[in-house]
């Protein structure tokens, strides 16, 4: 679980690095600009990091499924080699999935004014600037998003159906609460990630609703990565115990300083 969480953390760091620094740089400036090459690179790496978040979401749901439904076989199934291969597969799959549409978007002609109605080079504002037939590229974008989100979401839902059915078979209430606690943080993060991304990207046309996309961009690229460490920490018993121990040591140190 912690191996997959470290990969998720790296993906979110890449997401923030791609979009947020350029956005903050432009806030105090009256004239904000970005070159076409920078725009294409920003768009590509932003969506690459997004792909490498959603595939691990499905992998992590399978990891939780094995941990709860087959706990004795967990070390034999979720080996270090398998985990490493799954993470590599998510990066390679994301790289190949978004490369064709990124190349096609980079070659679109822009007749001006070249003003991006967004905080970063998202698909919708780039399509809005193009003075060419973009229906084929929009369809490719739509199908890529559909394949990524729906396939990974389907695996996640199936895993959680089995997880919940097995948890409900546990006779003690304490055992059920303990099992639910191991999945609650992942389920919360998955719900936020899929809810926002499906609403924004799984649409045949992305040229409309630019303003609402800005708000959702703030939520998915800034707010959600900020909340995720707290979500995973607060639902984790080991993290809560470590926090309690740290607070207890801090109180004892303060008492020792006051007594001297």
C-alpha atoms as a PDB file:
ATOM      1  CA  UNK A   1       0.000   0.000   0.000  1.00  0.00           C
ATOM      2  CA  UNK A   2       2.772   2.456   0.909  1.00  0.00           C
ATOM      3  CA  UNK A   3       4.622   1.668  -2.309  1.00  0.00           C
ATOM      4  CA  UNK A   4       1.550   2.602  -4.361  1.00  0.00           C
ATOM      5  CA  UNK A   5       0.965   5.680  -2.189  1.00  0.00           C
ATOM      6  CA  UNK A   6       4.506   6.895  -2.892  1.00  0.00           C
ATOM      7  CA  UNK A   7       3.840   6.552  -6.631  1.00  0.00           C
ATOM      8  CA  UNK A   8       0.542   8.438  -6.233  1.00  0.00           C
ATOM      9  CA  UNK A   9       2.363  11.168  -4.324  1.00  0.00           C
ATOM     10  CA  UNK A  10       4.959  11.475  -7.106  1.00  0.00           C
ATOM     11  CA  UNK A  11       2.197  11.729  -9.743  1.00  0.00           C
ATOM     12  CA  UNK A  12       0.455  14.491  -7.796  1.00  0.00           C
ATOM     13  CA  UNK A  13       3.747  16.330  -7.366  1.00  0.00           C
ATOM     14  CA  UNK A  14       4.207  16.194 -11.145  1.00  0.00           C
ATOM     15  CA  UNK A  15       0.655  17.498 -11.640  1.00  0.00           C
ATOM     16  CA  UNK A  16       1.268  20.483  -9.377  1.00  0.00           C
ATOM     17  CA  UNK A  17       4.706  21.170 -10.872  1.00  0.00           C
ATOM     18  CA  UNK A  18       3.311  21.221 -14.418  1.00  0.00           C
ATOM     19  CA  UNK A  19       0.540  23.746 -13.850  1.00  0.00           C
ATOM     20  CA  UNK A  20       0.696  25.635 -10.565  1.00  0.00           C
ATOM     21  CA  UNK A  21       4.113  27.438 -10.757  1.00  0.00           C
ATOM     22  CA  UNK A  22       3.284  28.922 -14.178  1.00  0.00           C
ATOM     23  CA  UNK A  23      -0.131  29.952 -12.894  1.00  0.00           C
ATOM     24  CA  UNK A  24       1.368  31.660  -9.832  1.00  0.00           C
ATOM     25  CA  UNK A  25       4.007  33.357 -11.990  1.00  0.00           C
ATOM     26  CA  UNK A  26       1.289  34.960 -14.096  1.00  0.00           C
ATOM     27  CA  UNK A  27      -0.841  36.326 -11.256  1.00  0.00           C
ATOM     28  CA  UNK A  28       1.160  39.542 -10.591  1.00  0.00           C
ATOM     29  CA  UNK A  29       1.794  40.198 -14.302  1.00  0.00           C
ATOM     30  CA  UNK A  30      -0.523  42.241 -16.454  1.00  0.00           C
ATOM     31  CA  UNK A  31       0.557  40.380 -19.600  1.00  0.00           C
ATOM     32  CA  UNK A  32       0.883  36.631 -19.131  1.00  0.00           C
ATOM     33  CA  UNK A  33       2.456  34.509 -21.877  1.00  0.00           C
ATOM     34  CA  UNK A  34       3.585  30.971 -22.624  1.00  0.00           C
ATOM     35  CA  UNK A  35       5.283  29.636 -25.745  1.00  0.00           C
ATOM     36  CA  UNK A  36       3.603  26.983 -27.874  1.00  0.00           C
ATOM     37  CA  UNK A  37       6.322  24.477 -26.977  1.00  0.00           C
ATOM     38  CA  UNK A  38       5.904  25.129 -23.260  1.00  0.00           C
ATOM     39  CA  UNK A  39       2.146  24.869 -23.674  1.00  0.00           C
ATOM     40  CA  UNK A  40       2.378  21.470 -25.389  1.00  0.00           C
ATOM     41  CA  UNK A  41       4.839  20.159 -22.784  1.00  0.00           C
ATOM     42  CA  UNK A  42       2.683  21.433 -19.930  1.00  0.00           C
ATOM     43  CA  UNK A  43      -0.424  19.804 -21.387  1.00  0.00           C
ATOM     44  CA  UNK A  44       1.330  16.491 -22.062  1.00  0.00           C
ATOM     45  CA  UNK A  45       2.948  16.061 -18.644  1.00  0.00           C
ATOM     46  CA  UNK A  46      -0.192  17.236 -16.853  1.00  0.00           C
ATOM     47  CA  UNK A  47      -2.307  14.539 -18.517  1.00  0.00           C
ATOM     48  CA  UNK A  48       0.490  11.983 -18.159  1.00  0.00           C
ATOM     49  CA  UNK A  49       0.480  12.533 -14.389  1.00  0.00           C
ATOM     50  CA  UNK A  50      -3.313  12.236 -14.433  1.00  0.00           C
ATOM     51  CA  UNK A  51      -3.140   8.888 -16.237  1.00  0.00           C
ATOM     52  CA  UNK A  52      -0.591   7.596 -13.750  1.00  0.00           C
ATOM     53  CA  UNK A  53      -2.970   8.498 -10.909  1.00  0.00           C
ATOM     54  CA  UNK A  54      -6.068   6.713 -12.189  1.00  0.00           C
ATOM     55  CA  UNK A  55      -4.366   3.455 -13.159  1.00  0.00           C
ATOM     56  CA  UNK A  56      -2.844   3.143  -9.642  1.00  0.00           C
ATOM     57  CA  UNK A  57      -6.298   3.872  -8.198  1.00  0.00           C
ATOM     58  CA  UNK A  58      -7.469   0.617  -9.784  1.00  0.00           C
ATOM     59  CA  UNK A  59      -4.275  -1.179  -8.751  1.00  0.00           C
ATOM     60  CA  UNK A  60      -4.671   0.025  -5.158  1.00  0.00           C
ATOM     61  CA  UNK A  61      -8.280  -1.189  -5.084  1.00  0.00           C
ATOM     62  CA  UNK A  62      -7.051  -4.634  -6.166  1.00  0.00           C
ATOM     63  CA  UNK A  63      -4.368  -4.423  -3.472  1.00  0.00           C
ATOM     64  CA  UNK A  64      -7.064  -3.720  -0.846  1.00  0.00           C
ATOM     65  CA  UNK A  65      -9.162  -6.558  -2.267  1.00  0.00           C
ATOM     66  CA  UNK A  66      -6.317  -9.065  -1.819  1.00  0.00           C
ATOM     67  CA  UNK A  67      -5.520  -7.713   1.665  1.00  0.00           C
ATOM     68  CA  UNK A  68      -9.109  -8.118   2.904  1.00  0.00           C
ATOM     69  CA  UNK A  69     -10.395 -11.101   0.914  1.00  0.00           C
ATOM     70  CA  UNK A  70      -7.184 -13.202   0.892  1.00  0.00           C
ATOM     71  CA  UNK A  71      -5.028 -11.886   3.768  1.00  0.00           C
ATOM     72  CA  UNK A  72      -3.000 -15.087   4.183  1.00  0.00           C
ATOM     73  CA  UNK A  73      -2.084 -15.123   0.499  1.00  0.00           C
ATOM     74  CA  UNK A  74      -1.340 -11.399   0.341  1.00  0.00           C
ATOM     75  CA  UNK A  75       2.496 -11.647   0.627  1.00  0.00           C
ATOM     76  CA  UNK A  76       2.581 -14.333  -2.070  1.00  0.00           C
ATOM     77  CA  UNK A  77       0.311 -12.417  -4.485  1.00  0.00           C
ATOM     78  CA  UNK A  78       1.384  -8.786  -4.027  1.00  0.00           C
ATOM     79  CA  UNK A  79       5.112  -9.336  -4.341  1.00  0.00           C
ATOM     80  CA  UNK A  80       7.596  -6.484  -4.769  1.00  0.00           C
ATOM     81  CA  UNK A  81       8.187  -7.551  -8.351  1.00  0.00           C
ATOM     82  CA  UNK A  82       4.461  -7.460  -9.197  1.00  0.00           C
ATOM     83  CA  UNK A  83       4.023  -4.035  -7.560  1.00  0.00           C
ATOM     84  CA  UNK A  84       6.980  -2.624  -9.511  1.00  0.00           C
ATOM     85  CA  UNK A  85       5.654  -4.049 -12.791  1.00  0.00           C
ATOM     86  CA  UNK A  86       2.194  -2.581 -12.140  1.00  0.00           C
ATOM     87  CA  UNK A  87       3.646   0.895 -11.519  1.00  0.00           C
ATOM     88  CA  UNK A  88       5.825   0.687 -14.658  1.00  0.00           C
ATOM     89  CA  UNK A  89       2.774  -0.452 -16.626  1.00  0.00           C
ATOM     90  CA  UNK A  90       0.786   2.558 -15.429  1.00  0.00           C
ATOM     91  CA  UNK A  91       3.484   4.994 -16.631  1.00  0.00           C
ATOM     92  CA  UNK A  92       3.999   3.253 -19.979  1.00  0.00           C
ATOM     93  CA  UNK A  93       0.237   2.964 -20.509  1.00  0.00           C
ATOM     94  CA  UNK A  94      -0.292   6.645 -19.722  1.00  0.00           C
ATOM     95  CA  UNK A  95       2.570   7.657 -22.026  1.00  0.00           C
ATOM     96  CA  UNK A  96       1.128   5.731 -24.967  1.00  0.00           C
ATOM     97  CA  UNK A  97      -2.499   6.633 -24.314  1.00  0.00           C
ATOM     98  CA  UNK A  98      -2.179  10.416 -24.485  1.00  0.00           C
ATOM     99  CA  UNK A  99       0.711  10.740 -26.968  1.00  0.00           C
ATOM    100  CA  UNK A 100      -1.383  10.648 -30.218  1.00  0.00           C
ATOM    101  CA  UNK A 101      -3.887  13.337 -29.159  1.00  0.00           C
ATOM    102  CA  UNK A 102      -1.083  15.538 -27.777  1.00  0.00           C
ATOM    103  CA  UNK A 103       0.778  15.413 -31.117  1.00  0.00           C
ATOM    104  CA  UNK A 104      -2.415  16.252 -33.033  1.00  0.00           C
ATOM    105  CA  UNK A 105      -3.264  19.157 -30.684  1.00  0.00           C
ATOM    106  CA  UNK A 106       0.254  20.571 -31.044  1.00  0.00           C
ATOM    107  CA  UNK A 107      -0.214  20.702 -34.821  1.00  0.00           C
ATOM    108  CA  UNK A 108      -3.511  22.621 -34.781  1.00  0.00           C
ATOM    109  CA  UNK A 109      -3.405  26.034 -36.526  1.00  0.00           C
ATOM    110  CA  UNK A 110      -4.271  29.069 -34.382  1.00  0.00           C
ATOM    111  CA  UNK A 111      -5.541  32.112 -36.236  1.00  0.00           C
ATOM    112  CA  UNK A 112      -5.601  34.422 -33.228  1.00  0.00           C
ATOM    113  CA  UNK A 113      -6.106  36.026 -30.872  1.00  0.00           C
ATOM    114  CA  UNK A 114      -4.009  33.382 -29.130  1.00  0.00           C
ATOM    115  CA  UNK A 115      -5.487  33.932 -25.664  1.00  0.00           C
ATOM    116  CA  UNK A 116      -5.963  30.836 -23.499  1.00  0.00           C
ATOM    117  CA  UNK A 117      -9.099  31.158 -21.387  1.00  0.00           C
ATOM    118  CA  UNK A 118      -7.693  29.081 -18.550  1.00  0.00           C
ATOM    119  CA  UNK A 119      -4.948  28.838 -15.917  1.00  0.00           C
ATOM    120  CA  UNK A 120      -3.022  26.269 -17.947  1.00  0.00           C
ATOM    121  CA  UNK A 121      -3.000  24.585 -21.378  1.00  0.00           C
ATOM    122  CA  UNK A 122      -6.023  22.343 -20.950  1.00  0.00           C
ATOM    123  CA  UNK A 123      -7.664  20.620 -23.933  1.00  0.00           C
ATOM    124  CA  UNK A 124     -10.830  22.742 -23.958  1.00  0.00           C
ATOM    125  CA  UNK A 125      -9.166  26.201 -24.324  1.00  0.00           C
ATOM    126  CA  UNK A 126      -6.721  24.864 -26.916  1.00  0.00           C
ATOM    127  CA  UNK A 127      -9.624  23.509 -28.969  1.00  0.00           C
ATOM    128  CA  UNK A 128     -11.329  26.877 -28.562  1.00  0.00           C
ATOM    129  CA  UNK A 129      -8.343  28.630 -30.202  1.00  0.00           C
ATOM    130  CA  UNK A 130      -8.064  26.283 -33.173  1.00  0.00           C
ATOM    131  CA  UNK A 131      -9.277  27.460 -36.567  1.00  0.00           C
ATOM    132  CA  UNK A 132      -9.579  23.976 -38.079  1.00  0.00           C
ATOM    133  CA  UNK A 133     -11.859  20.969 -37.909  1.00  0.00           C
ATOM    134  CA  UNK A 134     -11.198  19.473 -34.481  1.00  0.00           C
ATOM    135  CA  UNK A 135     -13.930  16.837 -34.389  1.00  0.00           C
ATOM    136  CA  UNK A 136     -11.525  13.932 -34.987  1.00  0.00           C
ATOM    137  CA  UNK A 137      -9.136  15.126 -32.245  1.00  0.00           C
ATOM    138  CA  UNK A 138     -12.033  15.737 -29.841  1.00  0.00           C
ATOM    139  CA  UNK A 139     -13.290  12.226 -30.513  1.00  0.00           C
ATOM    140  CA  UNK A 140      -9.814  10.786 -29.899  1.00  0.00           C
ATOM    141  CA  UNK A 141      -9.539  12.777 -26.661  1.00  0.00           C
ATOM    142  CA  UNK A 142     -12.990  11.604 -25.593  1.00  0.00           C
ATOM    143  CA  UNK A 143     -12.219   7.941 -26.347  1.00  0.00           C
ATOM    144  CA  UNK A 144      -8.856   8.115 -24.530  1.00  0.00           C
ATOM    145  CA  UNK A 145     -10.503   9.607 -21.437  1.00  0.00           C
ATOM    146  CA  UNK A 146     -13.336   7.105 -21.652  1.00  0.00           C
ATOM    147  CA  UNK A 147     -10.997   4.120 -21.897  1.00  0.00           C
ATOM    148  CA  UNK A 148      -8.795   5.323 -19.032  1.00  0.00           C
ATOM    149  CA  UNK A 149     -11.477   6.427 -16.579  1.00  0.00           C
ATOM    150  CA  UNK A 150     -14.183   3.860 -17.231  1.00  0.00           C
ATOM    151  CA  UNK A 151     -11.844   0.852 -17.374  1.00  0.00           C
ATOM    152  CA  UNK A 152      -9.992   1.794 -14.180  1.00  0.00           C
ATOM    153  CA  UNK A 153     -13.270   2.768 -12.481  1.00  0.00           C
ATOM    154  CA  UNK A 154     -14.854  -0.566 -13.455  1.00  0.00           C
ATOM    155  CA  UNK A 155     -11.978  -2.504 -11.881  1.00  0.00           C
ATOM    156  CA  UNK A 156     -12.221  -0.328  -8.778  1.00  0.00           C
ATOM    157  CA  UNK A 157     -15.982  -0.847  -8.451  1.00  0.00           C
ATOM    158  CA  UNK A 158     -15.700  -4.625  -8.919  1.00  0.00           C
ATOM    159  CA  UNK A 159     -12.942  -4.785  -6.293  1.00  0.00           C
ATOM    160  CA  UNK A 160     -15.027  -2.816  -3.800  1.00  0.00           C
ATOM    161  CA  UNK A 161     -18.107  -4.971  -4.411  1.00  0.00           C
ATOM    162  CA  UNK A 162     -16.080  -8.011  -3.343  1.00  0.00           C
ATOM    163  CA  UNK A 163     -14.458  -6.073  -0.489  1.00  0.00           C
ATOM    164  CA  UNK A 164     -17.764  -4.883   0.967  1.00  0.00           C
ATOM    165  CA  UNK A 165     -19.412  -8.297   0.576  1.00  0.00           C
ATOM    166  CA  UNK A 166     -16.517  -9.911   2.465  1.00  0.00           C
ATOM    167  CA  UNK A 167     -16.498  -7.228   5.180  1.00  0.00           C
ATOM    168  CA  UNK A 168     -20.213  -7.748   5.815  1.00  0.00           C
ATOM    169  CA  UNK A 169     -19.515 -11.441   6.467  1.00  0.00           C
ATOM    170  CA  UNK A 170     -17.223 -10.571   9.392  1.00  0.00           C
ATOM    171  CA  UNK A 171     -19.202 -11.488  12.550  1.00  0.00           C
ATOM    172  CA  UNK A 172     -17.886  -8.782  14.921  1.00  0.00           C
ATOM    173  CA  UNK A 173     -18.654  -5.089  14.547  1.00  0.00           C
ATOM    174  CA  UNK A 174     -15.118  -4.176  15.588  1.00  0.00           C
ATOM    175  CA  UNK A 175     -13.697  -6.399  12.847  1.00  0.00           C
ATOM    176  CA  UNK A 176     -15.958  -4.752  10.273  1.00  0.00           C
ATOM    177  CA  UNK A 177     -14.908  -1.267  11.371  1.00  0.00           C
ATOM    178  CA  UNK A 178     -11.247  -2.258  11.225  1.00  0.00           C
ATOM    179  CA  UNK A 179     -11.639  -3.628   7.697  1.00  0.00           C
ATOM    180  CA  UNK A 180     -13.574  -0.567   6.509  1.00  0.00           C
ATOM    181  CA  UNK A 181     -10.861   1.696   7.969  1.00  0.00           C
ATOM    182  CA  UNK A 182      -8.234   0.106   5.696  1.00  0.00           C
ATOM    183  CA  UNK A 183     -10.262   1.128   2.614  1.00  0.00           C
ATOM    184  CA  UNK A 184     -11.926   4.385   3.702  1.00  0.00           C
ATOM    185  CA  UNK A 185      -9.063   6.727   2.731  1.00  0.00           C
ATOM    186  CA  UNK A 186      -8.575   5.131  -0.679  1.00  0.00           C
ATOM    187  CA  UNK A 187     -12.329   5.144  -1.351  1.00  0.00           C
ATOM    188  CA  UNK A 188     -12.562   8.863  -0.432  1.00  0.00           C
ATOM    189  CA  UNK A 189      -9.701   9.885  -2.729  1.00  0.00           C
ATOM    190  CA  UNK A 190     -10.993   7.707  -5.579  1.00  0.00           C
ATOM    191  CA  UNK A 191     -14.472   9.234  -5.321  1.00  0.00           C
ATOM    192  CA  UNK A 192     -13.110  12.779  -5.572  1.00  0.00           C
ATOM    193  CA  UNK A 193     -10.709  11.987  -8.420  1.00  0.00           C
ATOM    194  CA  UNK A 194     -13.161  10.099 -10.606  1.00  0.00           C
ATOM    195  CA  UNK A 195     -16.060  12.458  -9.911  1.00  0.00           C
ATOM    196  CA  UNK A 196     -14.171  15.561 -11.078  1.00  0.00           C
ATOM    197  CA  UNK A 197     -12.383  13.974 -14.048  1.00  0.00           C
ATOM    198  CA  UNK A 198     -15.405  12.195 -15.506  1.00  0.00           C
ATOM    199  CA  UNK A 199     -17.420  15.424 -15.320  1.00  0.00           C
ATOM    200  CA  UNK A 200     -14.690  17.428 -17.103  1.00  0.00           C
ATOM    201  CA  UNK A 201     -13.148  15.089 -19.678  1.00  0.00           C
ATOM    202  CA  UNK A 202     -15.638  12.342 -20.547  1.00  0.00           C
ATOM    203  CA  UNK A 203     -17.664  14.554 -22.899  1.00  0.00           C
ATOM    204  CA  UNK A 204     -17.800  14.508 -26.707  1.00  0.00           C
ATOM    205  CA  UNK A 205     -17.146  18.272 -26.858  1.00  0.00           C
ATOM    206  CA  UNK A 206     -14.904  20.182 -24.453  1.00  0.00           C
ATOM    207  CA  UNK A 207     -15.219  23.679 -25.937  1.00  0.00           C
ATOM    208  CA  UNK A 208     -18.076  24.657 -23.610  1.00  0.00           C
ATOM    209  CA  UNK A 209     -18.104  25.211 -19.849  1.00  0.00           C
ATOM    210  CA  UNK A 210     -14.631  26.774 -19.683  1.00  0.00           C
ATOM    211  CA  UNK A 211     -15.422  28.677 -16.483  1.00  0.00           C
ATOM    212  CA  UNK A 212     -16.634  25.649 -14.555  1.00  0.00           C
ATOM    213  CA  UNK A 213     -13.532  23.772 -15.767  1.00  0.00           C
ATOM    214  CA  UNK A 214     -11.350  26.408 -14.081  1.00  0.00           C
ATOM    215  CA  UNK A 215     -12.992  25.724 -10.734  1.00  0.00           C
ATOM    216  CA  UNK A 216     -12.662  21.972 -11.176  1.00  0.00           C
ATOM    217  CA  UNK A 217      -9.010  22.440 -12.175  1.00  0.00           C
ATOM    218  CA  UNK A 218      -8.348  24.201  -8.853  1.00  0.00           C
ATOM    219  CA  UNK A 219     -10.056  21.347  -6.999  1.00  0.00           C
ATOM    220  CA  UNK A 220      -8.283  18.510  -8.824  1.00  0.00           C
ATOM    221  CA  UNK A 221      -4.812  20.075  -9.155  1.00  0.00           C
ATOM    222  CA  UNK A 222      -4.436  21.999  -5.896  1.00  0.00           C
ATOM    223  CA  UNK A 223      -7.088  21.158  -3.305  1.00  0.00           C
ATOM    224  CA  UNK A 224      -7.178  17.371  -3.774  1.00  0.00           C
ATOM    225  CA  UNK A 225      -3.361  16.854  -3.632  1.00  0.00           C
ATOM    226  CA  UNK A 226      -3.324  19.079  -0.542  1.00  0.00           C
ATOM    227  CA  UNK A 227      -6.024  16.999   1.172  1.00  0.00           C
ATOM    228  CA  UNK A 228      -4.775  13.540   0.189  1.00  0.00           C
ATOM    229  CA  UNK A 229      -1.926  13.308   2.750  1.00  0.00           C
ATOM    230  CA  UNK A 230      -4.355  14.233   5.522  1.00  0.00           C
ATOM    231  CA  UNK A 231      -7.000  11.796   4.252  1.00  0.00           C
ATOM    232  CA  UNK A 232      -4.586   8.866   4.132  1.00  0.00           C
ATOM    233  CA  UNK A 233      -3.009   9.834   7.473  1.00  0.00           C
ATOM    234  CA  UNK A 234      -6.191  10.386   9.484  1.00  0.00           C
ATOM    235  CA  UNK A 235      -7.690   7.035   8.442  1.00  0.00           C
ATOM    236  CA  UNK A 236      -4.483   5.118   9.171  1.00  0.00           C
ATOM    237  CA  UNK A 237      -4.226   3.663  12.672  1.00  0.00           C
ATOM    238  CA  UNK A 238      -0.417   3.507  12.579  1.00  0.00           C
ATOM    239  CA  UNK A 239      -0.230   7.193  11.620  1.00  0.00           C
ATOM    240  CA  UNK A 240      -2.686   8.145  14.372  1.00  0.00           C
ATOM    241  CA  UNK A 241      -0.692   6.176  16.953  1.00  0.00           C
ATOM    242  CA  UNK A 242       2.540   7.836  15.784  1.00  0.00           C
ATOM    243  CA  UNK A 243       0.880  11.271  16.028  1.00  0.00           C
ATOM    244  CA  UNK A 244      -0.342  10.520  19.561  1.00  0.00           C
ATOM    245  CA  UNK A 245       3.158   9.396  20.582  1.00  0.00           C
ATOM    246  CA  UNK A 246       4.701  12.547  19.089  1.00  0.00           C
ATOM    247  CA  UNK A 247       2.199  14.758  20.917  1.00  0.00           C
ATOM    248  CA  UNK A 248       2.833  12.885  24.173  1.00  0.00           C
ATOM    249  CA  UNK A 249       6.617  13.332  23.800  1.00  0.00           C
ATOM    250  CA  UNK A 250       6.098  17.006  23.031  1.00  0.00           C
ATOM    251  CA  UNK A 251       3.986  17.492  26.165  1.00  0.00           C
ATOM    252  CA  UNK A 252       6.573  15.689  28.311  1.00  0.00           C
ATOM    253  CA  UNK A 253       9.337  17.881  26.903  1.00  0.00           C
ATOM    254  CA  UNK A 254       7.329  21.034  27.641  1.00  0.00           C
ATOM    255  CA  UNK A 255       6.725  19.868  31.191  1.00  0.00           C
ATOM    256  CA  UNK A 256      10.442  19.155  31.607  1.00  0.00           C
ATOM    257  CA  UNK A 257      11.351  22.656  30.350  1.00  0.00           C
ATOM    258  CA  UNK A 258       8.822  24.309  32.678  1.00  0.00           C
ATOM    259  CA  UNK A 259      10.008  22.337  35.706  1.00  0.00           C
ATOM    260  CA  UNK A 260      13.645  23.370  35.140  1.00  0.00           C
END
